[in-house]
Amino acid sequence: MSEDVRTEERRSDVTSRLDRFFKLREHGTDVRTELVAGLTTFLAMAYIVFVNPDILSATGMDAGAVFVATCLAAAIGTLIMGLYANFPIAQAPGMGLNAFFAFTVVLGLGVPWQTALAGTFVSGLLFLVLALTGVREAVITAIPLQLKLAVGAGIGLFIAFIGLKNAGIVVADEATTVTLGNLGAPTTLLAIFGIVVTCLFLMRGLRGAIFYGIVATAVVGVIFGINELGGVVGRVPSLAPTFGEAFGALPELLTVQMLVVVFTMLFVDFFDTAGTLIAVSNQAGLLDEQGRLPDANKALVSDSVATMGGAMLGTSTTTSYIESSAGVGAGGRTGLTSVATAGFFLLALLFSPLLSVISGEVTAAALILVGVMMARGLGQIEWDRLEYAIPAFVTVVAMPLTYSIATGIALGLLLFPLMMLFKGRAREVSPIMWVLLVTFAAYFLWLVE
């Protein structure tokens, strides 16, 4: 038997095993399609590899270690999603949650980043308990859709505001609080170029538009001497500065402040994951006749384990990415897509030298345009019904204006039961919402003291 024949037989055997494990034929796909879909998903969300270290390094965390933690958390979480849940859904540290971690918890509340990592770990653990016990259904039902939409939109405005600030387009002002920055500054011009070119890529329907926008902006920054390129491929940075730091800070979580932080992390991750699962699964045709996702708990377990693993490595909450829809659009239907995406995240570890050119103005466009996408939920809020509009509006505007995602969520959840009570619809409010009202009222009273 010739070597070519033996090679072909081995290839056929591998293909057959992959087919059986991932049920490729059953889902109407094949190995090549799944691998292409995996690459497509990676390109659509690869921006997080550079944006996350840029955001978290503002807390004093080592950017190189965060870069490694981001790649590993994304690879591990996505691999679990592929092998355990068999879904074409990728995971990585979430946008919005990383901003909450850095700007609200660490820089806003003065919490050490090690303690914030401990809070992230515990939120993942609680998520795991909710997924395994089935309590998630009660929680999802308790929170009205209008507030879920408002939370997503508010986080979008918050991270867009951070992007505008990093770009130098919005700056502090003693008289008016904020004002327009110097649009002629080289770094600001670079950020504006990034916004324009990324918008162009998005308008043309380019998959991975945000990632390509970052690349184009970084290249222009190097050409004009705004940023200095330290290399392309290099040694993987050390994970030691962040690895395991969460565990030493676990005892510091026993405060009212940190309990609210943990709840906020859990809340945002919980509904972000649920929304992503439904949206991507519907696009892939994985929902049953009742609109439910079979084995959804496996996906939730994968998400919670990824969050715990990411916190141990040294990054903020790891969650399911809506960009997975790009891979589904390319034909991905099974966990093999996720396995391929995970492989590309591991490969990304070799490109750490590029961090030297991925500055705040380079990533500004990513923050602003992801914010635009998250704000689309505003159109679904019932603004003509004040019992929904008032808490939703307060939730949305409070996040950027108080520079705190937690404050926006707390105010919204506090106001909603009150508005329903004033409207004469108190019986329609879940007992869980009344518990949250009392909890957040106590929290704000504690802040006053």
Protein backbone atom coordinates (compact mmCIF):
# COMPACT_ATOMS: atom_id res chain seq x y z
CA MET A 1 0.00 0.00 0.00
CA SER A 2 1.47 3.39 -0.99
CA GLU A 3 2.08 6.22 1.43
CA ASP A 4 -0.50 8.37 -0.38
CA VAL A 5 -3.18 5.73 0.12
CA ARG A 6 -2.35 5.37 3.81
CA THR A 7 -2.46 9.14 4.25
CA GLU A 8 -5.85 9.31 2.56
CA GLU A 9 -7.18 6.52 4.78
CA ARG A 10 -5.98 8.29 7.93
CA ARG A 11 -7.59 11.51 6.73
CA SER A 12 -10.82 9.67 6.03
CA ASP A 13 -10.72 8.05 9.47
CA VAL A 14 -10.25 11.40 11.20
CA THR A 15 -13.09 12.91 9.19
CA SER A 16 -15.33 10.00 10.13
CA ARG A 17 -14.56 10.39 13.82
CA LEU A 18 -15.20 14.12 13.71
CA ASP A 19 -18.48 13.45 11.92
CA ARG A 20 -19.62 11.02 14.63
CA PHE A 21 -18.51 13.17 17.56
CA PHE A 22 -19.91 16.50 16.34
CA LYS A 23 -22.82 14.99 14.34
CA LEU A 24 -21.79 16.90 11.24
CA ARG A 25 -24.07 15.15 8.72
CA GLU A 26 -27.00 15.43 11.07
CA HIS A 27 -26.51 19.21 11.07
CA GLY A 28 -25.95 19.39 7.32
CA THR A 29 -22.31 20.44 7.43
CA ASP A 30 -18.80 19.08 6.91
CA VAL A 31 -15.28 19.48 8.31
CA ARG A 32 -14.11 22.09 5.79
CA THR A 33 -17.19 24.28 6.30
CA GLU A 34 -16.79 24.11 10.07
CA LEU A 35 -13.11 25.09 9.94
CA VAL A 36 -13.82 28.06 7.66
CA ALA A 37 -16.65 29.10 9.99
CA GLY A 38 -14.25 28.89 12.95
CA LEU A 39 -11.79 31.24 11.25
CA THR A 40 -14.63 33.62 10.36
CA THR A 41 -15.79 33.78 13.97
CA PHE A 42 -12.24 34.39 15.18
CA LEU A 43 -11.70 37.28 12.77
CA ALA A 44 -15.03 38.81 13.83
CA MET A 45 -14.02 38.88 17.51
CA ALA A 46 -10.20 38.97 17.39
CA TYR A 47 -10.29 42.65 18.37
CA ILE A 48 -10.87 41.60 22.00
CA VAL A 49 -7.33 40.18 22.13
CA PHE A 50 -5.98 43.75 21.96
CA VAL A 51 -8.89 45.79 23.36
CA ASN A 52 -9.15 43.83 26.62
CA PRO A 53 -5.51 44.38 27.71
CA ASP A 54 -5.86 48.06 26.80
CA ILE A 55 -8.90 48.42 29.06
CA LEU A 56 -7.76 46.30 32.01
CA SER A 57 -4.23 47.75 32.07
CA ALA A 58 -5.85 51.03 33.20
CA THR A 59 -6.26 49.32 36.59
CA GLY A 60 -2.54 48.67 36.94
CA MET A 61 -2.72 45.09 35.68
CA ASP A 62 0.18 43.91 33.54
CA ALA A 63 -0.90 44.29 29.88
CA GLY A 64 1.15 41.31 28.71
CA ALA A 65 -0.32 39.01 31.34
CA VAL A 66 -3.85 40.20 30.51
CA PHE A 67 -3.16 39.54 26.82
CA VAL A 68 -2.21 35.95 27.61
CA ALA A 69 -5.15 35.54 30.00
CA THR A 70 -7.51 36.88 27.32
CA CYS A 71 -6.27 34.46 24.67
CA LEU A 72 -6.30 31.48 27.04
CA ALA A 73 -9.71 32.30 28.55
CA ALA A 74 -11.19 32.65 25.06
CA ALA A 75 -9.55 29.43 23.88
CA ILE A 76 -10.55 27.39 26.95
CA GLY A 77 -14.11 28.74 27.11
CA THR A 78 -14.69 28.27 23.39
CA LEU A 79 -13.18 24.77 23.49
CA ILE A 80 -15.51 23.77 26.32
CA MET A 81 -18.47 25.18 24.39
CA GLY A 82 -17.46 23.12 21.36
CA LEU A 83 -16.56 19.81 23.00
CA TYR A 84 -19.11 19.77 25.83
CA ALA A 85 -22.11 21.66 24.44
CA ASN A 86 -21.42 21.09 20.71
CA PHE A 87 -22.51 24.63 19.83
CA PRO A 88 -20.84 26.94 17.25
CA ILE A 89 -20.57 29.70 19.84
CA ALA A 90 -17.28 31.32 20.85
CA GLN A 91 -16.43 32.90 24.17
CA ALA A 92 -14.04 35.63 25.31
CA PRO A 93 -13.83 38.36 27.97
CA GLY A 94 -16.94 40.43 27.38
CA MET A 95 -17.08 44.04 26.24
CA GLY A 96 -18.92 46.11 28.81
CA LEU A 97 -18.04 43.70 31.59
CA ASN A 98 -14.35 44.56 31.16
CA ALA A 99 -15.25 48.26 31.29
CA PHE A 100 -17.32 47.64 34.43
CA PHE A 101 -14.38 45.77 35.97
CA ALA A 102 -11.86 48.51 35.19
CA PHE A 103 -13.69 51.82 35.37
CA THR A 104 -16.51 51.16 37.85
CA VAL A 105 -15.10 48.60 40.27
CA VAL A 106 -11.36 49.29 40.34
CA LEU A 107 -10.99 52.94 39.34
CA GLY A 108 -14.44 54.08 40.51
CA LEU A 109 -14.89 52.23 43.80
CA GLY A 110 -11.20 51.91 44.58
CA VAL A 111 -11.34 48.11 44.77
CA PRO A 112 -7.98 46.38 44.14
CA TRP A 113 -7.96 44.53 40.82
CA GLN A 114 -7.15 41.31 42.67
CA THR A 115 -10.40 41.64 44.61
CA ALA A 116 -12.28 42.41 41.40
CA LEU A 117 -10.91 39.17 39.93
CA ALA A 118 -12.13 37.33 43.03
CA GLY A 119 -15.58 38.84 42.46
CA THR A 120 -15.48 37.66 38.86
CA PHE A 121 -14.62 34.14 39.98
CA VAL A 122 -17.48 34.04 42.48
CA SER A 123 -19.95 35.42 39.92
CA GLY A 124 -18.97 32.54 37.62
CA LEU A 125 -19.44 30.07 40.46
CA LEU A 126 -22.92 31.44 41.21
CA PHE A 127 -23.73 31.29 37.49
CA LEU A 128 -22.73 27.62 37.52
CA VAL A 129 -25.05 26.94 40.47
CA LEU A 130 -27.94 28.71 38.71
CA ALA A 131 -27.31 26.70 35.55
CA LEU A 132 -27.17 23.37 37.36
CA THR A 133 -30.18 23.96 39.63
CA GLY A 134 -32.53 25.47 37.05
CA VAL A 135 -33.02 28.68 39.08
CA ARG A 136 -32.09 30.61 35.94
CA GLU A 137 -35.66 30.27 34.63
CA ALA A 138 -37.09 32.04 37.68
CA VAL A 139 -34.54 34.83 37.44
CA ILE A 140 -35.04 35.34 33.69
CA THR A 141 -38.81 35.51 34.16
CA ALA A 142 -38.53 37.95 37.07
CA ILE A 143 -36.60 40.65 35.21
CA PRO A 144 -38.85 42.44 32.69
CA LEU A 145 -37.72 42.51 29.06
CA GLN A 146 -37.71 46.31 29.06
CA LEU A 147 -35.00 46.42 31.72
CA LYS A 148 -32.95 43.74 29.97
CA LEU A 149 -33.01 45.88 26.82
CA ALA A 150 -32.12 49.00 28.80
CA VAL A 151 -29.14 47.33 30.48
CA GLY A 152 -27.65 46.27 27.15
CA ALA A 153 -28.19 49.71 25.62
CA GLY A 154 -26.82 51.50 28.69
CA ILE A 155 -23.64 49.44 28.62
CA GLY A 156 -23.33 50.30 24.94
CA LEU A 157 -23.48 54.04 25.70
CA PHE A 158 -21.01 53.58 28.55
CA ILE A 159 -18.31 51.86 26.50
CA ALA A 160 -18.90 54.26 23.59
CA PHE A 161 -18.27 57.14 26.01
CA ILE A 162 -15.02 55.47 27.08
CA GLY A 163 -14.05 55.14 23.42
CA LEU A 164 -14.74 58.82 22.75
CA LYS A 165 -12.67 59.70 25.82
CA ASN A 166 -9.76 57.48 24.74
CA ALA A 167 -9.88 59.04 21.30
CA GLY A 168 -9.62 62.55 22.74
CA ILE A 169 -12.86 63.50 21.04
CA VAL A 170 -14.50 64.09 24.44
CA VAL A 171 -12.41 65.62 27.24
CA ALA A 172 -13.01 66.86 30.79
CA ASP A 173 -14.02 70.49 31.33
CA GLU A 174 -14.49 72.31 34.65
CA ALA A 175 -17.30 74.52 33.36
CA THR A 176 -19.37 71.97 31.43
CA THR A 177 -18.05 68.66 32.86
CA VAL A 178 -17.21 67.41 29.35
CA THR A 179 -16.54 69.14 26.05
CA LEU A 180 -15.18 68.57 22.55
CA GLY A 181 -11.46 67.79 22.49
CA ASN A 182 -8.72 69.01 20.15
CA LEU A 183 -9.65 67.35 16.87
CA GLY A 184 -6.32 68.41 15.34
CA ALA A 185 -4.20 66.39 17.78
CA PRO A 186 -2.34 63.55 15.99
CA THR A 187 -3.71 60.86 18.31
CA THR A 188 -7.25 62.16 17.92
CA LEU A 189 -6.90 62.30 14.14
CA LEU A 190 -5.71 58.69 14.22
CA ALA A 191 -8.77 57.67 16.27
CA ILE A 192 -11.09 59.51 13.86
CA PHE A 193 -9.44 57.70 10.96
CA GLY A 194 -10.07 54.42 12.79
CA ILE A 195 -13.74 55.24 13.29
CA VAL A 196 -14.22 56.20 9.64
CA VAL A 197 -12.42 53.18 8.18
CA THR A 198 -14.17 50.76 10.56
CA CYS A 199 -17.53 52.26 9.60
CA LEU A 200 -16.60 51.75 5.95
CA PHE A 201 -15.77 48.08 6.59
CA LEU A 202 -19.04 47.60 8.49
CA MET A 203 -21.09 49.28 5.77
CA ARG A 204 -19.53 47.01 3.17
CA GLY A 205 -20.47 43.95 5.21
CA LEU A 206 -16.86 42.84 5.79
CA ARG A 207 -16.69 40.01 8.32
CA GLY A 208 -14.24 40.94 11.03
CA ALA A 209 -14.72 44.64 10.24
CA ILE A 210 -13.81 45.81 13.74
CA PHE A 211 -10.65 43.69 13.80
CA TYR A 212 -9.59 44.93 10.37
CA GLY A 213 -10.33 48.49 11.48
CA ILE A 214 -7.91 48.09 14.38
CA VAL A 215 -5.26 46.67 12.05
CA ALA A 216 -5.66 49.52 9.54
CA THR A 217 -5.53 52.16 12.30
CA ALA A 218 -2.44 50.59 13.86
CA VAL A 219 -0.66 50.52 10.49
CA VAL A 220 -1.43 54.20 9.85
CA GLY A 221 -0.28 55.04 13.38
CA VAL A 222 3.08 53.36 12.72
CA ILE A 223 3.48 54.99 9.29
CA PHE A 224 2.99 58.48 10.74
CA GLY A 225 5.14 57.81 13.80
CA ILE A 226 2.30 58.10 16.32
CA ASN A 227 2.96 54.57 17.61
CA GLU A 228 6.13 52.51 17.44
CA LEU A 229 6.07 48.91 16.25
CA GLY A 230 8.04 46.61 18.53
CA GLY A 231 7.67 43.55 16.32
CA VAL A 232 4.97 41.21 15.07
CA VAL A 233 5.75 37.73 16.35
CA GLY A 234 7.49 37.22 19.69
CA ARG A 235 7.74 35.28 22.90
CA VAL A 236 4.54 34.72 24.86
CA PRO A 237 4.45 37.13 27.85
CA SER A 238 4.45 35.77 31.39
CA LEU A 239 1.09 35.05 33.01
CA ALA A 240 2.61 35.23 36.51
CA PRO A 241 1.56 38.85 37.33
CA THR A 242 -2.16 37.91 37.28
CA PHE A 243 -2.38 34.11 37.56
CA GLY A 244 -4.15 32.97 40.74
CA GLU A 245 -4.34 36.47 42.23
CA ALA A 246 -8.12 36.11 42.59
CA PHE A 247 -7.90 33.40 45.23
CA GLY A 248 -5.89 35.43 47.73
CA ALA A 249 -8.52 38.18 47.63
CA LEU A 250 -11.61 35.99 48.20
CA PRO A 251 -12.01 37.01 51.90
CA GLU A 252 -12.30 40.66 50.82
CA LEU A 253 -15.63 39.98 49.08
CA LEU A 254 -17.63 39.97 52.31
CA THR A 255 -18.79 43.59 52.06
CA VAL A 256 -22.02 45.15 50.82
CA GLN A 257 -20.08 46.93 48.09
CA MET A 258 -18.56 43.75 46.71
CA LEU A 259 -21.83 41.84 46.94
CA VAL A 260 -23.39 44.42 44.61
CA VAL A 261 -20.36 44.13 42.32
CA VAL A 262 -20.68 40.34 42.16
CA PHE A 263 -24.42 40.56 41.52
CA THR A 264 -23.88 43.05 38.70
CA MET A 265 -21.28 40.81 37.05
CA LEU A 266 -23.64 37.86 37.37
CA PHE A 267 -26.65 39.81 36.11
CA VAL A 268 -24.98 41.20 32.99
CA ASP A 269 -23.25 37.91 32.09
CA PHE A 270 -26.45 35.95 32.70
CA PHE A 271 -28.63 37.91 30.29
CA ASP A 272 -25.86 38.61 27.78
CA THR A 273 -25.25 34.87 27.51
CA ALA A 274 -28.94 34.00 27.31
CA GLY A 275 -29.53 36.56 24.56
CA THR A 276 -26.51 35.44 22.56
CA LEU A 277 -27.47 31.76 22.82
CA ILE A 278 -30.98 32.38 21.54
CA ALA A 279 -29.91 34.74 18.74
CA VAL A 280 -27.06 32.61 17.38
CA SER A 281 -28.92 29.30 17.84
CA ASN A 282 -31.94 30.68 16.00
CA GLN A 283 -29.71 31.76 13.11
CA ALA A 284 -28.15 28.28 13.02
CA GLY A 285 -31.54 26.57 13.11
CA LEU A 286 -30.80 24.83 16.41
CA LEU A 287 -34.00 25.83 18.26
CA ASP A 288 -36.82 23.31 18.61
CA GLU A 289 -40.47 23.87 17.62
CA GLN A 290 -41.17 25.66 20.90
CA GLY A 291 -38.28 28.05 20.33
CA ARG A 292 -36.14 26.40 22.99
CA LEU A 293 -32.49 25.43 22.68
CA PRO A 294 -31.86 21.75 23.43
CA ASP A 295 -29.05 21.26 25.95
CA ALA A 296 -29.04 24.98 26.74
CA ASN A 297 -27.79 24.19 30.23
CA LYS A 298 -24.60 22.78 28.74
CA ALA A 299 -23.94 26.12 27.09
CA LEU A 300 -24.61 27.97 30.36
CA VAL A 301 -22.31 25.62 32.24
CA SER A 302 -19.61 26.21 29.61
CA ASP A 303 -20.02 29.96 30.04
CA SER A 304 -19.79 29.85 33.84
CA VAL A 305 -16.74 27.57 33.84
CA ALA A 306 -15.06 29.89 31.33
CA THR A 307 -15.68 32.86 33.62
CA MET A 308 -14.15 31.03 36.58
CA GLY A 309 -11.16 29.96 34.49
CA GLY A 310 -10.66 33.45 33.09
CA ALA A 311 -10.71 34.98 36.58
CA MET A 312 -8.11 32.45 37.73
CA LEU A 313 -5.91 33.37 34.75
CA GLY A 314 -6.37 37.09 35.22
CA THR A 315 -9.16 38.62 33.16
CA SER A 316 -12.69 39.93 33.56
CA THR A 317 -15.87 37.94 32.90
CA THR A 318 -15.71 35.55 29.93
CA THR A 319 -18.99 35.31 28.05
CA SER A 320 -20.59 34.10 24.81
CA TYR A 321 -20.03 36.43 21.83
CA ILE A 322 -22.72 37.57 19.44
CA GLU A 323 -19.96 37.72 16.80
CA SER A 324 -20.36 33.95 16.66
CA SER A 325 -23.17 34.72 14.23
CA ALA A 326 -20.49 35.52 11.63
CA GLY A 327 -19.27 31.92 11.77
CA VAL A 328 -22.83 30.61 11.63
CA GLY A 329 -23.36 32.78 8.59
CA ALA A 330 -20.35 31.04 7.02
CA GLY A 331 -22.00 27.65 7.59
CA GLY A 332 -20.92 26.70 11.12
CA ARG A 333 -23.45 24.46 12.82
CA THR A 334 -21.58 22.39 15.43
CA GLY A 335 -18.94 22.54 18.13
CA LEU A 336 -16.22 21.89 15.56
CA THR A 337 -16.57 25.55 14.59
CA SER A 338 -15.83 26.50 18.21
CA VAL A 339 -12.86 24.11 18.38
CA ALA A 340 -11.37 25.79 15.30
CA THR A 341 -11.95 29.26 16.79
CA ALA A 342 -10.24 28.16 20.01
CA GLY A 343 -7.22 27.06 18.00
CA PHE A 344 -6.87 30.49 16.43
CA PHE A 345 -7.01 32.15 19.86
CA LEU A 346 -4.10 29.96 20.94
CA LEU A 347 -2.22 30.95 17.78
CA ALA A 348 -2.82 34.62 18.66
CA LEU A 349 -0.54 34.21 21.70
CA LEU A 350 2.44 34.55 19.35
CA PHE A 351 1.51 38.13 18.37
CA SER A 352 1.98 39.90 21.70
CA PRO A 353 4.53 42.43 20.30
CA LEU A 354 1.62 44.09 18.49
CA LEU A 355 0.39 45.34 21.88
CA SER A 356 2.94 48.16 21.57
CA VAL A 357 0.93 49.74 18.74
CA ILE A 358 -2.58 48.97 20.02
CA SER A 359 -3.10 52.12 22.07
CA GLY A 360 -6.28 53.75 23.35
CA GLU A 361 -6.80 55.77 20.18
CA VAL A 362 -6.34 52.62 18.06
CA THR A 363 -9.03 50.71 19.97
CA ALA A 364 -11.38 53.71 20.30
CA ALA A 365 -13.33 52.79 17.17
CA ALA A 366 -13.96 49.28 18.48
CA LEU A 367 -15.44 50.62 21.72
CA ILE A 368 -17.60 53.22 19.99
CA LEU A 369 -18.98 50.92 17.29
CA VAL A 370 -19.57 47.97 19.62
CA GLY A 371 -21.47 50.52 21.72
CA VAL A 372 -23.57 51.42 18.68
CA MET A 373 -24.46 47.75 18.17
CA MET A 374 -25.38 47.28 21.82
CA ALA A 375 -27.63 50.36 21.79
CA ARG A 376 -30.00 48.83 19.21
CA GLY A 377 -32.20 47.58 22.07
CA LEU A 378 -33.41 51.16 22.62
CA GLY A 379 -35.77 50.78 19.69
CA GLN A 380 -37.58 47.87 21.34
CA ILE A 381 -38.35 49.66 24.61
CA GLU A 382 -42.00 50.70 25.02
CA TRP A 383 -41.37 54.41 25.55
CA ASP A 384 -45.08 55.25 25.51
CA ARG A 385 -45.61 53.29 28.75
CA LEU A 386 -44.04 55.30 31.56
CA GLU A 387 -43.89 52.38 33.98
CA TYR A 388 -41.32 50.91 31.57
CA ALA A 389 -39.87 54.09 30.11
CA ILE A 390 -38.84 55.76 33.38
CA PRO A 391 -36.75 52.91 34.85
CA ALA A 392 -35.38 52.07 31.40
CA PHE A 393 -34.34 55.67 30.73
CA VAL A 394 -32.71 56.04 34.14
CA THR A 395 -30.84 52.77 33.62
CA VAL A 396 -29.52 53.87 30.24
CA VAL A 397 -28.43 57.41 31.11
CA ALA A 398 -27.13 56.63 34.60
CA MET A 399 -24.39 54.32 33.32
CA PRO A 400 -22.39 56.89 31.30
CA LEU A 401 -23.33 59.87 33.50
CA THR A 402 -22.29 58.20 36.77
CA TYR A 403 -19.50 56.24 35.05
CA SER A 404 -20.93 53.13 36.65
CA ILE A 405 -22.75 50.16 35.12
CA ALA A 406 -23.70 48.91 38.58
CA THR A 407 -25.39 52.19 39.50
CA GLY A 408 -27.48 52.15 36.32
CA ILE A 409 -28.65 48.59 36.90
CA ALA A 410 -29.37 49.23 40.58
CA LEU A 411 -31.44 52.35 39.88
CA GLY A 412 -33.43 50.59 37.15
CA LEU A 413 -34.22 47.57 39.29
CA LEU A 414 -35.15 49.83 42.19
CA LEU A 415 -37.44 52.08 40.16
CA PHE A 416 -39.34 49.43 38.19
CA PRO A 417 -41.30 47.92 41.12
CA LEU A 418 -42.11 51.42 42.38
CA MET A 419 -43.44 52.53 38.99
CA MET A 420 -45.57 49.39 38.75
CA LEU A 421 -46.87 50.05 42.27
CA PHE A 422 -47.79 53.65 41.38
CA LYS A 423 -49.48 52.36 38.21
CA GLY A 424 -51.59 49.94 40.24
CA ARG A 425 -49.91 46.86 38.78
CA ALA A 426 -47.93 45.73 41.81
CA ARG A 427 -49.35 42.20 41.59
CA GLU A 428 -47.60 41.74 38.25
CA VAL A 429 -44.19 42.28 39.82
CA SER A 430 -42.26 39.15 40.76
CA PRO A 431 -41.31 38.69 44.45
CA ILE A 432 -37.69 38.57 43.28
CA MET A 433 -38.01 42.16 42.06
CA TRP A 434 -39.28 43.31 45.46
CA VAL A 435 -36.31 41.63 47.10
CA LEU A 436 -34.02 43.47 44.70
CA LEU A 437 -35.77 46.77 45.47
CA VAL A 438 -35.09 46.37 49.20
CA THR A 439 -31.52 45.24 48.52
CA PHE A 440 -30.62 48.19 46.32
CA ALA A 441 -32.44 50.69 48.56
CA ALA A 442 -30.26 49.44 51.43
CA TYR A 443 -27.21 49.73 49.18
CA PHE A 444 -27.87 53.38 48.32
CA LEU A 445 -28.59 54.20 51.97
CA TRP A 446 -25.27 52.57 52.85
CA LEU A 447 -23.51 54.74 50.24
CA VAL A 448 -25.04 57.87 51.78
CA GLU A 449 -23.67 56.94 55.17
